[in-house]
N, C-alpha and C. Protein backbone atom coordinates (compact mmCIF):
# COMPACT_ATOMS: atom_id res chain seq x y z
N MET A 1 0.86 -1.18 0.00
CA MET A 1 0.00 0.00 0.00
C MET A 1 0.90 1.24 0.00
N THR A 2 0.60 2.18 -0.86
CA THR A 2 1.43 3.38 -0.93
C THR A 2 1.02 4.37 0.13
N GLY A 3 1.87 5.35 0.36
CA GLY A 3 1.58 6.39 1.33
C GLY A 3 0.35 7.19 0.97
N GLN A 4 0.08 7.32 -0.34
CA GLN A 4 -1.10 8.06 -0.77
C GLN A 4 -2.39 7.34 -0.40
N LEU A 5 -2.36 6.02 -0.36
CA LEU A 5 -3.56 5.26 -0.04
C LEU A 5 -3.80 5.16 1.45
N ARG A 6 -2.75 5.26 2.23
CA ARG A 6 -2.90 5.20 3.68
C ARG A 6 -3.36 6.55 4.20
N ALA A 7 -4.35 6.54 5.05
CA ALA A 7 -4.82 7.77 5.67
C ALA A 7 -5.09 7.51 7.13
N SER A 8 -4.66 8.44 7.96
CA SER A 8 -4.92 8.29 9.38
C SER A 8 -6.40 8.57 9.64
N PRO A 9 -6.94 8.03 10.73
CA PRO A 9 -8.34 8.30 11.05
C PRO A 9 -8.62 9.80 11.18
N ALA A 10 -7.64 10.55 11.66
CA ALA A 10 -7.85 11.99 11.80
C ALA A 10 -8.02 12.67 10.45
N ALA A 11 -7.32 12.19 9.43
CA ALA A 11 -7.42 12.80 8.11
C ALA A 11 -8.75 12.50 7.45
N ILE A 12 -9.40 11.45 7.87
CA ILE A 12 -10.67 11.06 7.27
C ILE A 12 -11.85 11.71 7.99
N ASP A 13 -11.67 12.15 9.19
CA ASP A 13 -12.75 12.74 9.98
C ASP A 13 -13.21 14.08 9.40
N GLY A 14 -14.49 14.33 9.48
CA GLY A 14 -15.07 15.63 9.18
C GLY A 14 -14.71 16.20 7.84
N ASP A 15 -14.44 17.50 7.85
CA ASP A 15 -14.15 18.23 6.61
C ASP A 15 -12.91 17.70 5.91
N ASN A 16 -11.93 17.26 6.67
CA ASN A 16 -10.72 16.73 6.04
C ASN A 16 -11.05 15.53 5.16
N GLY A 17 -11.90 14.67 5.63
CA GLY A 17 -12.29 13.49 4.84
C GLY A 17 -13.05 13.89 3.60
N LEU A 18 -13.92 14.86 3.73
CA LEU A 18 -14.69 15.34 2.58
C LEU A 18 -13.75 15.95 1.55
N LEU A 19 -12.84 16.80 2.00
CA LEU A 19 -11.90 17.42 1.07
C LEU A 19 -11.02 16.38 0.39
N LEU A 20 -10.58 15.40 1.14
CA LEU A 20 -9.76 14.33 0.58
C LEU A 20 -10.54 13.57 -0.50
N ALA A 21 -11.78 13.26 -0.22
CA ALA A 21 -12.61 12.54 -1.18
C ALA A 21 -12.87 13.38 -2.43
N LEU A 22 -13.17 14.67 -2.25
CA LEU A 22 -13.42 15.54 -3.39
C LEU A 22 -12.18 15.68 -4.27
N GLU A 23 -11.04 15.88 -3.63
CA GLU A 23 -9.80 16.02 -4.39
C GLU A 23 -9.42 14.72 -5.08
N SER A 24 -9.54 13.61 -4.38
CA SER A 24 -9.19 12.31 -4.97
C SER A 24 -10.08 11.97 -6.16
N GLY A 25 -11.34 12.28 -6.05
CA GLY A 25 -12.28 11.99 -7.12
C GLY A 25 -12.35 13.07 -8.17
N GLN A 26 -11.58 14.14 -7.98
CA GLN A 26 -11.59 15.30 -8.87
C GLN A 26 -13.02 15.80 -9.09
N LEU A 27 -13.74 15.95 -7.97
CA LEU A 27 -15.13 16.37 -7.99
C LEU A 27 -15.28 17.83 -7.60
N GLY A 28 -16.36 18.43 -7.99
CA GLY A 28 -16.70 19.78 -7.58
C GLY A 28 -17.97 19.76 -6.74
N THR A 29 -18.26 20.87 -6.12
CA THR A 29 -19.47 20.97 -5.30
C THR A 29 -20.29 22.19 -5.71
N TRP A 30 -21.57 22.10 -5.46
CA TRP A 30 -22.45 23.24 -5.67
C TRP A 30 -23.53 23.22 -4.61
N ARG A 31 -24.09 24.37 -4.38
CA ARG A 31 -25.25 24.47 -3.49
C ARG A 31 -26.12 25.61 -3.97
N TYR A 32 -27.34 25.61 -3.52
CA TYR A 32 -28.31 26.61 -3.93
C TYR A 32 -28.66 27.45 -2.72
N ALA A 33 -28.41 28.74 -2.81
CA ALA A 33 -28.77 29.67 -1.73
C ALA A 33 -30.22 30.09 -1.95
N VAL A 34 -31.11 29.52 -1.17
CA VAL A 34 -32.55 29.72 -1.37
C VAL A 34 -32.93 31.19 -1.25
N VAL A 35 -32.43 31.87 -0.24
CA VAL A 35 -32.80 33.27 -0.03
C VAL A 35 -32.39 34.13 -1.21
N ASP A 36 -31.19 33.91 -1.73
CA ASP A 36 -30.68 34.71 -2.85
C ASP A 36 -31.08 34.15 -4.21
N ARG A 37 -31.63 32.93 -4.19
CA ARG A 37 -31.95 32.22 -5.44
C ARG A 37 -30.73 32.19 -6.36
N ALA A 38 -29.61 31.77 -5.78
CA ALA A 38 -28.35 31.76 -6.52
C ALA A 38 -27.61 30.46 -6.28
N PHE A 39 -26.89 30.02 -7.30
CA PHE A 39 -26.05 28.84 -7.18
C PHE A 39 -24.65 29.27 -6.75
N LEU A 40 -24.06 28.48 -5.87
CA LEU A 40 -22.70 28.69 -5.42
C LEU A 40 -21.91 27.46 -5.83
N LEU A 41 -20.95 27.65 -6.71
CA LEU A 41 -20.18 26.53 -7.24
C LEU A 41 -18.72 26.65 -6.83
N SER A 42 -18.12 25.51 -6.54
CA SER A 42 -16.69 25.50 -6.27
C SER A 42 -15.96 25.74 -7.59
N GLU A 43 -14.69 26.11 -7.47
CA GLU A 43 -13.90 26.34 -8.67
C GLU A 43 -13.87 25.09 -9.56
N ARG A 44 -13.72 23.92 -8.93
CA ARG A 44 -13.67 22.67 -9.69
C ARG A 44 -15.01 22.40 -10.38
N ALA A 45 -16.13 22.68 -9.72
CA ALA A 45 -17.44 22.49 -10.33
C ALA A 45 -17.59 23.38 -11.55
N ARG A 46 -17.09 24.60 -11.46
CA ARG A 46 -17.14 25.52 -12.61
C ARG A 46 -16.35 24.94 -13.78
N GLU A 47 -15.18 24.39 -13.47
CA GLU A 47 -14.36 23.77 -14.52
C GLU A 47 -15.09 22.60 -15.17
N LEU A 48 -15.65 21.73 -14.34
CA LEU A 48 -16.33 20.55 -14.85
C LEU A 48 -17.56 20.89 -15.68
N LEU A 49 -18.30 21.91 -15.25
CA LEU A 49 -19.54 22.28 -15.93
C LEU A 49 -19.31 23.26 -17.07
N GLY A 50 -18.08 23.77 -17.17
CA GLY A 50 -17.79 24.74 -18.23
C GLY A 50 -18.49 26.06 -18.02
N THR A 51 -18.61 26.48 -16.75
CA THR A 51 -19.27 27.73 -16.43
C THR A 51 -18.31 28.66 -15.70
N PRO A 52 -17.30 29.18 -16.40
CA PRO A 52 -16.38 30.11 -15.74
C PRO A 52 -17.09 31.42 -15.43
N GLY A 53 -16.56 32.16 -14.49
CA GLY A 53 -17.15 33.46 -14.16
C GLY A 53 -18.36 33.31 -13.26
N ALA A 54 -19.41 34.03 -13.61
CA ALA A 54 -20.61 34.07 -12.78
C ALA A 54 -21.28 32.70 -12.69
N ALA A 55 -21.91 32.47 -11.56
CA ALA A 55 -22.65 31.21 -11.38
C ALA A 55 -23.84 31.20 -12.34
N PRO A 56 -24.26 30.02 -12.76
CA PRO A 56 -25.37 29.95 -13.72
C PRO A 56 -26.70 30.34 -13.09
N SER A 57 -27.59 30.85 -13.93
CA SER A 57 -28.96 31.09 -13.49
C SER A 57 -29.65 29.73 -13.37
N LEU A 58 -30.86 29.73 -12.83
CA LEU A 58 -31.60 28.48 -12.73
C LEU A 58 -31.83 27.87 -14.12
N ALA A 59 -32.19 28.69 -15.08
CA ALA A 59 -32.43 28.18 -16.44
C ALA A 59 -31.15 27.58 -17.02
N GLU A 60 -30.02 28.25 -16.80
CA GLU A 60 -28.75 27.73 -17.30
C GLU A 60 -28.37 26.44 -16.59
N PHE A 61 -28.62 26.40 -15.29
CA PHE A 61 -28.32 25.20 -14.52
C PHE A 61 -29.15 24.02 -15.01
N LEU A 62 -30.42 24.26 -15.27
CA LEU A 62 -31.29 23.18 -15.73
C LEU A 62 -30.83 22.61 -17.07
N MET A 63 -30.21 23.43 -17.88
CA MET A 63 -29.70 22.93 -19.16
C MET A 63 -28.51 22.00 -18.96
N LEU A 64 -27.88 22.05 -17.78
CA LEU A 64 -26.76 21.16 -17.46
C LEU A 64 -27.24 19.80 -16.94
N VAL A 65 -28.51 19.74 -16.56
CA VAL A 65 -29.09 18.50 -16.03
C VAL A 65 -29.46 17.59 -17.20
N HIS A 66 -29.25 16.32 -17.04
CA HIS A 66 -29.60 15.36 -18.10
C HIS A 66 -31.07 15.51 -18.44
N PRO A 67 -31.40 15.50 -19.74
CA PRO A 67 -32.79 15.68 -20.16
C PRO A 67 -33.78 14.73 -19.50
N ASP A 68 -33.36 13.53 -19.18
CA ASP A 68 -34.26 12.57 -18.53
C ASP A 68 -34.66 13.01 -17.13
N HIS A 69 -33.88 13.89 -16.52
CA HIS A 69 -34.12 14.30 -15.13
C HIS A 69 -34.49 15.77 -15.00
N ARG A 70 -34.41 16.49 -16.09
CA ARG A 70 -34.58 17.95 -16.04
C ARG A 70 -35.94 18.36 -15.48
N ARG A 71 -37.02 17.70 -15.90
CA ARG A 71 -38.36 18.07 -15.43
C ARG A 71 -38.48 17.90 -13.92
N ASP A 72 -37.96 16.79 -13.40
CA ASP A 72 -38.03 16.54 -11.96
C ASP A 72 -37.20 17.54 -11.16
N VAL A 73 -36.03 17.88 -11.68
CA VAL A 73 -35.18 18.86 -10.99
C VAL A 73 -35.85 20.23 -11.02
N ALA A 74 -36.41 20.61 -12.17
CA ALA A 74 -37.11 21.89 -12.27
C ALA A 74 -38.27 21.95 -11.29
N TYR A 75 -39.00 20.85 -11.17
CA TYR A 75 -40.12 20.79 -10.23
C TYR A 75 -39.63 20.96 -8.79
N ALA A 76 -38.51 20.35 -8.47
CA ALA A 76 -37.96 20.48 -7.11
C ALA A 76 -37.62 21.93 -6.81
N PHE A 77 -37.04 22.63 -7.77
CA PHE A 77 -36.72 24.05 -7.55
C PHE A 77 -37.97 24.90 -7.47
N GLU A 78 -39.00 24.57 -8.21
CA GLU A 78 -40.27 25.28 -8.11
C GLU A 78 -40.84 25.15 -6.71
N ARG A 79 -40.73 23.97 -6.13
CA ARG A 79 -41.25 23.73 -4.77
C ARG A 79 -40.44 24.52 -3.75
N ILE A 80 -39.15 24.66 -3.97
CA ILE A 80 -38.30 25.44 -3.05
C ILE A 80 -38.73 26.90 -3.08
N ASP A 81 -38.97 27.42 -4.28
CA ASP A 81 -39.29 28.84 -4.43
C ASP A 81 -40.75 29.16 -4.09
N ALA A 82 -41.56 28.14 -3.89
CA ALA A 82 -42.98 28.39 -3.61
C ALA A 82 -43.20 28.92 -2.21
């Protein structure tokens, strides 16, 4: 087992574990600020989604969702904003 694969329990706990998993998987994160009706994307999420600069609007975000799921995701956001 290489040193990169070994992790102490402390490194896996809490935020450290999340950051390790995100970096290892080369993943990005996003969240929706309900009050502001705005998306907050990590730098990596912006890279992956091809949305440099300003965060996408809801309409732009929905275009990033797979067509098979777009209606359900749009409905979920409608319920949030209701």
